[in-house]
Amino acid sequence: MSIGCEKEMEIKDPIPEMQPSALDTLRKQAVEGHAEAQMQLGEILIGGPPEDRNETTGVMWLRLAAEQGLSSAQYALGESFLNGIGVTKDEDEAIKWLALSAEQGKAMAQNVLGWVMSNREDGDNNFTAAVHWFRAAANQGYAVAQANLSTMYRDGKGVQRNKVLAYSWWEIALEFTENIQSFHKQDGPYFNPTGEELKEIEWEKNKIRKTINKKAK
């Protein structure tokens, strides 16, 4: 059984079909070394219209952008290695690129990195590191990471078990999510707080909200 709620890739709008002239311009910019163009071209080749797809070449462009330090490309490249998209699946390589993106503050990368750290295929989990990255993303207002942090407090993985904080983070996640259907009741803290505990939970939630609002400024 995996730890945490989910590790899904960032949900994006479908990549629209580009006019041949626009695609040629994008390729030219990518060849000239523009990281954003390399990233965009990589995304088109991986997930664009079927006639444009070439996952192996797409990952090559993602790598070039990632090597220039583009956080979104580092995240996408990490996901490619994690899921075996255009490359041989390699968890260590995935962690390398996700960590580079996470260190630049990308919440999606932080959340996925936390998930991987707590669900290593070789069983060499690092729950303390997972909590660190879940918290980093949670404090940016990323709901999935907030839910994942809740489960860590619920189960005492990487932190001391704390049902009040588990409940607090779960309710914050429900506040911040844009897709409440993605949260399953069985992932929640499953306990009935007392009156005093409800007061503690409200205090913790206000504290969390202040942290998130401060980060947003």
Protein backbone atom coordinates (compact mmCIF):
# COMPACT_ATOMS: atom_id res chain seq x y z
CA MET A 1 0.00 0.00 0.00
CA SER A 2 1.42 3.35 -1.00
CA ILE A 3 1.86 6.27 1.38
CA GLY A 4 0.05 9.49 0.55
CA CYS A 5 -2.98 10.23 -1.56
CA GLU A 6 -1.61 10.53 -5.08
CA LYS A 7 1.37 11.52 -7.17
CA GLU A 8 -0.39 12.42 -10.38
CA MET A 9 1.33 14.59 -12.96
CA GLU A 10 0.19 18.16 -13.24
CA ILE A 11 -3.13 18.27 -15.10
CA LYS A 12 -2.81 20.51 -18.11
CA ASP A 13 -5.14 21.57 -20.86
CA PRO A 14 -4.78 19.48 -24.04
CA ILE A 15 -1.92 20.73 -26.19
CA PRO A 16 -3.53 22.36 -29.25
CA GLU A 17 -2.38 21.51 -32.75
CA MET A 18 0.06 24.11 -34.04
CA GLN A 19 0.20 25.48 -37.54
CA PRO A 20 3.24 24.14 -39.43
CA SER A 21 4.76 27.62 -39.59
CA ALA A 22 4.41 28.09 -35.81
CA LEU A 23 5.91 24.66 -35.15
CA ASP A 24 8.83 25.49 -37.46
CA THR A 25 9.41 28.73 -35.55
CA LEU A 26 9.32 26.85 -32.25
CA ARG A 27 11.86 24.30 -33.54
CA LYS A 28 14.13 27.11 -34.72
CA GLN A 29 13.98 28.77 -31.28
CA ALA A 30 14.65 25.43 -29.58
CA VAL A 31 17.67 24.76 -31.79
CA GLU A 32 18.95 28.25 -30.96
CA GLY A 33 18.93 27.24 -27.30
CA HIS A 34 15.82 28.95 -25.89
CA ALA A 35 14.85 26.87 -22.85
CA GLU A 36 11.15 27.77 -22.93
CA ALA A 37 10.93 26.79 -26.61
CA GLN A 38 12.75 23.54 -25.88
CA MET A 39 10.30 22.81 -23.07
CA GLN A 40 7.27 23.60 -25.22
CA LEU A 41 8.56 21.52 -28.12
CA GLY A 42 9.25 18.64 -25.79
CA GLU A 43 5.69 18.79 -24.44
CA ILE A 44 4.25 18.80 -27.97
CA LEU A 45 6.34 15.81 -29.01
CA ILE A 46 5.29 13.89 -25.88
CA GLY A 47 1.64 14.86 -25.47
CA GLY A 48 0.56 16.84 -28.51
CA PRO A 49 -1.45 15.77 -31.55
CA PRO A 50 -0.65 12.15 -32.57
CA GLU A 51 0.91 13.20 -35.86
CA ASP A 52 3.45 15.36 -34.00
CA ARG A 53 4.39 12.86 -31.28
CA ASN A 54 7.84 11.42 -30.75
CA GLU A 55 8.38 10.75 -27.05
CA THR A 56 12.09 9.98 -27.32
CA THR A 57 12.83 13.24 -29.14
CA GLY A 58 10.47 15.07 -26.79
CA VAL A 59 12.45 13.92 -23.77
CA MET A 60 15.67 15.02 -25.49
CA TRP A 61 14.28 18.57 -25.70
CA LEU A 62 13.06 18.44 -22.10
CA ARG A 63 16.55 17.45 -21.00
CA LEU A 64 18.14 20.34 -22.87
CA ALA A 65 15.75 22.78 -21.19
CA ALA A 66 16.22 21.09 -17.81
CA GLU A 67 20.00 21.33 -18.12
CA GLN A 68 19.56 25.09 -18.52
CA GLY A 69 17.84 25.15 -15.14
CA LEU A 70 14.22 25.53 -16.26
CA SER A 71 12.21 24.23 -13.31
CA SER A 72 9.16 23.14 -15.30
CA ALA A 73 11.37 21.13 -17.65
CA GLN A 74 13.19 19.52 -14.74
CA TYR A 75 9.84 18.49 -13.29
CA ALA A 76 8.58 17.10 -16.62
CA LEU A 77 11.84 15.23 -17.18
CA GLY A 78 11.62 13.76 -13.69
CA GLU A 79 8.08 12.56 -14.41
CA SER A 80 9.29 11.06 -17.70
CA PHE A 81 11.91 8.99 -15.88
CA LEU A 82 9.43 8.09 -13.14
CA ASN A 83 6.85 6.79 -15.61
CA GLY A 84 9.10 5.57 -18.43
CA ILE A 85 7.86 8.09 -20.98
CA GLY A 86 10.34 8.33 -23.86
CA VAL A 87 13.10 6.86 -21.66
CA THR A 88 13.73 3.71 -19.65
CA LYS A 89 12.07 4.00 -16.27
CA ASP A 90 14.67 5.07 -13.70
CA GLU A 91 13.59 6.12 -10.21
CA ASP A 92 17.00 7.48 -9.19
CA GLU A 93 17.17 9.66 -12.29
CA ALA A 94 13.61 10.79 -11.63
CA ILE A 95 14.55 11.81 -8.10
CA LYS A 96 17.55 13.75 -9.39
CA TRP A 97 15.46 15.93 -11.72
CA LEU A 98 12.48 16.26 -9.41
CA ALA A 99 14.82 17.43 -6.64
CA LEU A 100 16.34 20.11 -8.88
CA SER A 101 12.86 21.41 -9.69
CA ALA A 102 11.68 21.10 -6.08
CA GLU A 103 14.65 23.09 -4.83
CA GLN A 104 13.55 25.93 -7.12
CA GLY A 105 10.17 25.90 -5.40
CA LYS A 106 7.91 24.11 -7.89
CA ALA A 107 5.08 22.72 -5.76
CA MET A 108 4.19 19.88 -8.15
CA ALA A 109 7.77 18.64 -8.10
CA GLN A 110 7.93 18.94 -4.33
CA ASN A 111 4.77 16.87 -3.93
CA VAL A 112 5.82 14.14 -6.37
CA LEU A 113 9.29 14.01 -4.83
CA GLY A 114 7.70 13.55 -1.42
CA TRP A 115 5.53 10.76 -2.80
CA VAL A 116 8.51 8.98 -4.37
CA MET A 117 10.57 9.32 -1.18
CA SER A 118 7.81 7.57 0.77
CA ASN A 119 7.11 4.90 -1.87
CA ARG A 120 10.52 3.81 -3.16
CA GLU A 121 10.42 0.75 -5.38
CA ASP A 122 13.44 -0.68 -3.56
CA GLY A 123 11.82 -0.07 -0.18
CA ASP A 124 14.50 2.44 0.85
CA ASN A 125 11.94 5.05 1.94
CA ASN A 126 12.91 8.35 3.52
CA PHE A 127 9.80 9.52 5.32
CA THR A 128 11.55 12.51 6.91
CA ALA A 129 12.51 13.84 3.48
CA ALA A 130 9.01 13.08 2.21
CA VAL A 131 7.46 15.18 4.98
CA HIS A 132 9.89 18.01 4.20
CA TRP A 133 8.81 18.15 0.56
CA PHE A 134 5.10 17.61 1.25
CA ARG A 135 5.26 20.51 3.71
CA ALA A 136 7.11 22.75 1.25
CA ALA A 137 4.36 22.24 -1.34
CA ALA A 138 1.56 22.35 1.24
CA ASN A 139 2.74 25.74 2.47
CA GLN A 140 2.39 27.03 -1.08
CA GLY A 141 -1.30 26.08 -1.02
CA TYR A 142 -0.99 22.90 -3.07
CA ALA A 143 -3.93 20.77 -1.94
CA VAL A 144 -2.62 17.31 -2.86
CA ALA A 145 0.52 17.91 -0.81
CA GLN A 146 -1.62 19.14 2.08
CA ALA A 147 -3.59 15.88 1.96
CA ASN A 148 -0.37 13.87 1.74
CA LEU A 149 1.05 15.72 4.75
CA SER A 150 -2.15 14.91 6.61
CA THR A 151 -1.62 11.18 6.00
CA MET A 152 1.94 11.42 7.31
CA TYR A 153 0.69 12.96 10.57
CA ARG A 154 -2.11 10.38 10.67
CA ASP A 155 0.28 7.43 10.30
CA GLY A 156 3.31 8.86 12.11
CA LYS A 157 5.56 8.55 9.04
CA GLY A 158 8.50 10.97 9.20
CA VAL A 159 6.81 12.90 11.99
CA GLN A 160 5.32 12.08 15.37
CA ARG A 161 1.74 10.89 14.98
CA ASN A 162 -0.58 13.83 15.62
CA LYS A 163 -4.30 13.45 14.97
CA VAL A 164 -4.99 17.16 15.42
CA LEU A 165 -2.49 18.15 12.73
CA ALA A 166 -3.69 15.29 10.52
CA TYR A 167 -7.23 16.60 10.78
CA SER A 168 -6.13 20.22 10.33
CA TRP A 169 -4.13 19.57 7.17
CA TRP A 170 -6.89 17.39 5.72
CA GLU A 171 -9.48 20.13 6.16
CA ILE A 172 -7.08 22.71 4.69
CA ALA A 173 -6.63 20.42 1.68
CA LEU A 174 -10.40 20.28 1.19
CA GLU A 175 -10.45 24.10 1.30
CA PHE A 176 -7.73 24.48 -1.30
CA THR A 177 -8.54 21.70 -3.74
CA GLU A 178 -10.11 22.44 -7.09
CA ASN A 179 -11.11 18.79 -7.50
CA ILE A 180 -12.70 17.55 -4.29
CA GLN A 181 -13.66 14.27 -6.00
CA SER A 182 -9.97 13.31 -6.06
CA PHE A 183 -9.93 13.06 -2.25
CA HIS A 184 -11.10 9.77 -0.81
CA LYS A 185 -12.56 9.48 2.67
CA GLN A 186 -10.31 6.48 3.46
CA ASP A 187 -7.26 8.74 3.07
CA GLY A 188 -8.54 11.12 5.76
CA PRO A 189 -7.64 11.20 9.46
CA TYR A 190 -10.64 9.06 10.48
CA PHE A 191 -11.26 10.22 14.03
CA ASN A 192 -13.98 12.22 15.74
CA PRO A 193 -12.44 15.23 17.51
CA THR A 194 -13.64 16.34 20.91
CA GLY A 195 -14.73 19.90 21.60
CA GLU A 196 -11.26 20.82 22.87
CA GLU A 197 -9.63 19.17 19.88
CA LEU A 198 -11.90 21.12 17.53
CA LYS A 199 -10.61 24.33 19.12
CA GLU A 200 -7.02 23.16 18.57
CA ILE A 201 -7.84 22.27 14.97
CA GLU A 202 -9.28 25.72 14.26
CA TRP A 203 -6.18 27.32 15.79
CA GLU A 204 -3.89 25.15 13.66
CA LYS A 205 -5.89 25.85 10.50
CA ASN A 206 -5.64 29.61 11.07
CA LYS A 207 -1.91 29.25 11.60
CA ILE A 208 -1.58 27.25 8.37
CA ARG A 209 -3.63 29.78 6.40
CA LYS A 210 -1.39 32.61 7.61
CA THR A 211 1.70 30.69 6.47
CA ILE A 212 0.20 30.04 3.04
CA ASN A 213 -0.89 33.66 2.63
CA LYS A 214 2.58 34.85 3.64
CA LYS A 215 4.18 32.54 1.06
CA ALA A 216 1.82 33.84 -1.61
CA LYS A 217 2.96 37.44 -1.16
